[in-house]
Amino acid sequence: MNRRKFFSISATALTALASTTLVKAKTAGGVKLTVLYGHPKSPEDFEKYYAETHMPLVTVVKGLRKYETSKVMPKKDGTAPAFYRMFEAWFDSPEHMAAVTSTPEWQKVGADLKNFASGGITSFVSRVE
């Protein structure tokens, strides 16, 4: 699969995952979207783009309960971890998540992944307990 197609599928999957009917059950603690970034070809370029371009897109998304970014630390023996960076966004309910992730602002966030995430992404939704 070529890179453009991978990121097109990834952005579409991220949006679909965020609004899927698989998470329709109400939860007291809400739901969380986690995005794990694979190791980029150029960590320096990734960090610059992530801080200066991508995260400003996230900051204009209205309705996020909370979001957090983190950089994954090396393993105890000093080897590289399975993922490079992690993004987490919290929502009050699956319906709240669906509403936020259907906005044009969120769509821009998903569409932007192809511009910098050269190591690919893994994303999933979890119930907060």
C-alpha atoms as a PDB file:
ATOM      1  CA  MET A   1       0.000   0.000   0.000  1.00  0.00           C
ATOM      2  CA  ASN A   2       1.483   3.361  -0.916  1.00  0.00           C
ATOM      3  CA  ARG A   3       1.960   6.066   1.711  1.00  0.00           C
ATOM      4  CA  ARG A   4      -0.720   8.428   0.367  1.00  0.00           C
ATOM      5  CA  LYS A   5      -3.323   5.684   0.385  1.00  0.00           C
ATOM      6  CA  PHE A   6      -2.241   4.593   3.897  1.00  0.00           C
ATOM      7  CA  PHE A   7      -2.718   8.083   5.316  1.00  0.00           C
ATOM      8  CA  SER A   8      -5.976   8.598   3.471  1.00  0.00           C
ATOM      9  CA  ILE A   9      -7.252   5.365   4.985  1.00  0.00           C
ATOM     10  CA  SER A  10      -5.788   6.305   8.396  1.00  0.00           C
ATOM     11  CA  ALA A  11      -7.485   9.713   8.489  1.00  0.00           C
ATOM     12  CA  THR A  12     -10.778   8.186   7.373  1.00  0.00           C
ATOM     13  CA  ALA A  13     -10.437   5.374   9.901  1.00  0.00           C
ATOM     14  CA  LEU A  14      -9.643   7.836  12.687  1.00  0.00           C
ATOM     15  CA  THR A  15     -12.817   9.792  11.953  1.00  0.00           C
ATOM     16  CA  ALA A  16     -14.914   6.643  11.575  1.00  0.00           C
ATOM     17  CA  LEU A  17     -13.469   5.165  14.739  1.00  0.00           C
ATOM     18  CA  ALA A  18     -14.343   8.289  16.661  1.00  0.00           C
ATOM     19  CA  SER A  19     -17.978   8.144  15.578  1.00  0.00           C
ATOM     20  CA  THR A  20     -18.534   4.410  15.278  1.00  0.00           C
ATOM     21  CA  THR A  21     -21.646   2.725  16.600  1.00  0.00           C
ATOM     22  CA  LEU A  22     -19.433   0.256  18.466  1.00  0.00           C
ATOM     23  CA  VAL A  23     -19.075   2.815  21.265  1.00  0.00           C
ATOM     24  CA  LYS A  24     -22.765   3.745  21.610  1.00  0.00           C
ATOM     25  CA  ALA A  25     -23.161   2.460  25.181  1.00  0.00           C
ATOM     26  CA  LYS A  26     -23.257   5.241  27.784  1.00  0.00           C
ATOM     27  CA  THR A  27     -20.329   5.290  30.175  1.00  0.00           C
ATOM     28  CA  ALA A  28     -20.045   7.161  33.466  1.00  0.00           C
ATOM     29  CA  GLY A  29     -16.427   8.163  32.880  1.00  0.00           C
ATOM     30  CA  GLY A  30     -16.791   8.996  29.211  1.00  0.00           C
ATOM     31  CA  VAL A  31     -14.646   7.784  26.352  1.00  0.00           C
ATOM     32  CA  LYS A  32     -11.105   8.457  25.235  1.00  0.00           C
ATOM     33  CA  LEU A  33      -9.544   8.500  21.779  1.00  0.00           C
ATOM     34  CA  THR A  34      -5.892   7.441  21.750  1.00  0.00           C
ATOM     35  CA  VAL A  35      -3.592   7.997  18.778  1.00  0.00           C
ATOM     36  CA  LEU A  36      -0.193   6.281  18.823  1.00  0.00           C
ATOM     37  CA  TYR A  37       2.354   7.655  16.370  1.00  0.00           C
ATOM     38  CA  GLY A  38       4.960   5.337  14.878  1.00  0.00           C
ATOM     39  CA  HIS A  39       8.572   6.437  14.731  1.00  0.00           C
ATOM     40  CA  PRO A  40       8.882   9.192  12.114  1.00  0.00           C
ATOM     41  CA  LYS A  41      11.550   9.269   9.425  1.00  0.00           C
ATOM     42  CA  SER A  42      12.780  12.579  10.857  1.00  0.00           C
ATOM     43  CA  PRO A  43      11.968  13.185  14.536  1.00  0.00           C
ATOM     44  CA  GLU A  44      13.118  16.810  14.207  1.00  0.00           C
ATOM     45  CA  ASP A  45      10.737  17.513  11.321  1.00  0.00           C
ATOM     46  CA  PHE A  46       7.927  15.658  13.099  1.00  0.00           C
ATOM     47  CA  GLU A  47       8.345  17.684  16.308  1.00  0.00           C
ATOM     48  CA  LYS A  48       8.483  21.012  14.478  1.00  0.00           C
ATOM     49  CA  TYR A  49       5.364  20.274  12.424  1.00  0.00           C
ATOM     50  CA  TYR A  50       3.500  18.719  15.358  1.00  0.00           C
ATOM     51  CA  ALA A  51       4.100  21.740  17.612  1.00  0.00           C
ATOM     52  CA  GLU A  52       3.761  24.524  15.060  1.00  0.00           C
ATOM     53  CA  THR A  53       1.073  23.213  12.693  1.00  0.00           C
ATOM     54  CA  HIS A  54      -0.793  20.116  13.883  1.00  0.00           C
ATOM     55  CA  MET A  55      -1.446  20.912  17.539  1.00  0.00           C
ATOM     56  CA  PRO A  56      -2.720  24.434  16.731  1.00  0.00           C
ATOM     57  CA  LEU A  57      -5.401  22.660  14.635  1.00  0.00           C
ATOM     58  CA  VAL A  58      -6.369  20.640  17.719  1.00  0.00           C
ATOM     59  CA  THR A  59      -6.573  23.733  19.928  1.00  0.00           C
ATOM     60  CA  VAL A  60      -9.357  25.246  17.808  1.00  0.00           C
ATOM     61  CA  VAL A  61     -11.579  22.152  18.072  1.00  0.00           C
ATOM     62  CA  LYS A  62     -14.453  23.138  20.330  1.00  0.00           C
ATOM     63  CA  GLY A  63     -15.949  20.732  22.839  1.00  0.00           C
ATOM     64  CA  LEU A  64     -12.991  18.540  23.765  1.00  0.00           C
ATOM     65  CA  ARG A  65     -13.258  17.716  27.469  1.00  0.00           C
ATOM     66  CA  LYS A  66      -9.501  17.367  27.739  1.00  0.00           C
ATOM     67  CA  TYR A  67      -6.567  16.410  25.549  1.00  0.00           C
ATOM     68  CA  GLU A  68      -2.983  15.484  26.249  1.00  0.00           C
ATOM     69  CA  THR A  69       0.147  14.745  24.260  1.00  0.00           C
ATOM     70  CA  SER A  70       3.147  12.769  25.400  1.00  0.00           C
ATOM     71  CA  LYS A  71       6.402  11.453  24.030  1.00  0.00           C
ATOM     72  CA  VAL A  72       7.068   7.775  24.712  1.00  0.00           C
ATOM     73  CA  MET A  73      10.220   7.070  26.710  1.00  0.00           C
ATOM     74  CA  PRO A  74      12.838   4.481  25.750  1.00  0.00           C
ATOM     75  CA  LYS A  75      12.565   1.030  27.265  1.00  0.00           C
ATOM     76  CA  LYS A  76      14.464   0.248  30.454  1.00  0.00           C
ATOM     77  CA  ASP A  77      17.372  -1.151  28.425  1.00  0.00           C
ATOM     78  CA  GLY A  78      17.529   2.037  26.322  1.00  0.00           C
ATOM     79  CA  THR A  79      15.988   0.596  23.164  1.00  0.00           C
ATOM     80  CA  ALA A  80      13.319   2.453  21.262  1.00  0.00           C
ATOM     81  CA  PRO A  81       9.722   1.933  22.408  1.00  0.00           C
ATOM     82  CA  ALA A  82       7.061   0.534  20.080  1.00  0.00           C
ATOM     83  CA  PHE A  83       5.627   4.030  19.488  1.00  0.00           C
ATOM     84  CA  TYR A  84       7.125   7.504  19.249  1.00  0.00           C
ATOM     85  CA  ARG A  85       4.371   9.767  20.567  1.00  0.00           C
ATOM     86  CA  MET A  86       0.833   9.551  21.945  1.00  0.00           C
ATOM     87  CA  PHE A  87      -2.199  11.837  21.782  1.00  0.00           C
ATOM     88  CA  GLU A  88      -5.279  11.325  23.966  1.00  0.00           C
ATOM     89  CA  ALA A  89      -8.603  13.184  23.824  1.00  0.00           C
ATOM     90  CA  TRP A  90     -11.394  12.733  26.386  1.00  0.00           C
ATOM     91  CA  PHE A  91     -15.114  13.068  25.715  1.00  0.00           C
ATOM     92  CA  ASP A  92     -18.143  12.933  28.023  1.00  0.00           C
ATOM     93  CA  SER A  93     -19.929  10.207  26.066  1.00  0.00           C
ATOM     94  CA  PRO A  94     -19.889   8.441  22.712  1.00  0.00           C
ATOM     95  CA  GLU A  95     -22.487  10.949  21.488  1.00  0.00           C
ATOM     96  CA  HIS A  96     -20.304  13.851  22.603  1.00  0.00           C
ATOM     97  CA  MET A  97     -17.354  12.292  20.794  1.00  0.00           C
ATOM     98  CA  ALA A  98     -19.420  11.832  17.635  1.00  0.00           C
ATOM     99  CA  ALA A  99     -20.535  15.475  17.753  1.00  0.00           C
ATOM    100  CA  VAL A 100     -17.009  16.847  18.235  1.00  0.00           C
ATOM    101  CA  THR A 101     -15.367  14.589  15.667  1.00  0.00           C
ATOM    102  CA  SER A 102     -17.928  15.438  12.997  1.00  0.00           C
ATOM    103  CA  THR A 103     -16.975  19.124  12.996  1.00  0.00           C
ATOM    104  CA  PRO A 104     -14.976  20.703  10.149  1.00  0.00           C
ATOM    105  CA  GLU A 105     -12.254  21.598  12.665  1.00  0.00           C
ATOM    106  CA  TRP A 106     -11.780  17.955  13.676  1.00  0.00           C
ATOM    107  CA  GLN A 107     -11.854  16.867  10.032  1.00  0.00           C
ATOM    108  CA  LYS A 108      -8.856  19.156   9.428  1.00  0.00           C
ATOM    109  CA  VAL A 109      -6.991  17.443  12.269  1.00  0.00           C
ATOM    110  CA  GLY A 110      -7.531  14.017  10.691  1.00  0.00           C
ATOM    111  CA  ALA A 111      -6.688  15.226   7.201  1.00  0.00           C
ATOM    112  CA  ASP A 112      -3.426  16.739   8.457  1.00  0.00           C
ATOM    113  CA  LEU A 113      -1.974  13.391   9.568  1.00  0.00           C
ATOM    114  CA  LYS A 114      -0.634  12.627   6.092  1.00  0.00           C
ATOM    115  CA  ASN A 115       1.459  15.803   6.255  1.00  0.00           C
ATOM    116  CA  PHE A 116       3.752  14.700   9.082  1.00  0.00           C
ATOM    117  CA  ALA A 117       3.050  11.234  10.534  1.00  0.00           C
ATOM    118  CA  SER A 118       5.586   9.386   8.390  1.00  0.00           C
ATOM    119  CA  GLY A 119       5.715   6.487  10.872  1.00  0.00           C
ATOM    120  CA  GLY A 120       1.972   5.878  10.600  1.00  0.00           C
ATOM    121  CA  ILE A 121      -0.629   5.882  13.348  1.00  0.00           C
ATOM    122  CA  THR A 122      -2.537   3.395  15.452  1.00  0.00           C
ATOM    123  CA  SER A 123      -5.752   4.679  17.028  1.00  0.00           C
ATOM    124  CA  PHE A 124      -8.468   3.297  19.262  1.00  0.00           C
ATOM    125  CA  VAL A 125     -11.343   4.359  21.488  1.00  0.00           C
ATOM    126  CA  SER A 126     -11.634   3.200  25.086  1.00  0.00           C
ATOM    127  CA  ARG A 127     -14.162   3.562  27.868  1.00  0.00           C
ATOM    128  CA  VAL A 128     -12.926   5.590  30.837  1.00  0.00           C
ATOM    129  CA  GLU A 129     -13.750   3.841  34.092  1.00  0.00           C
END
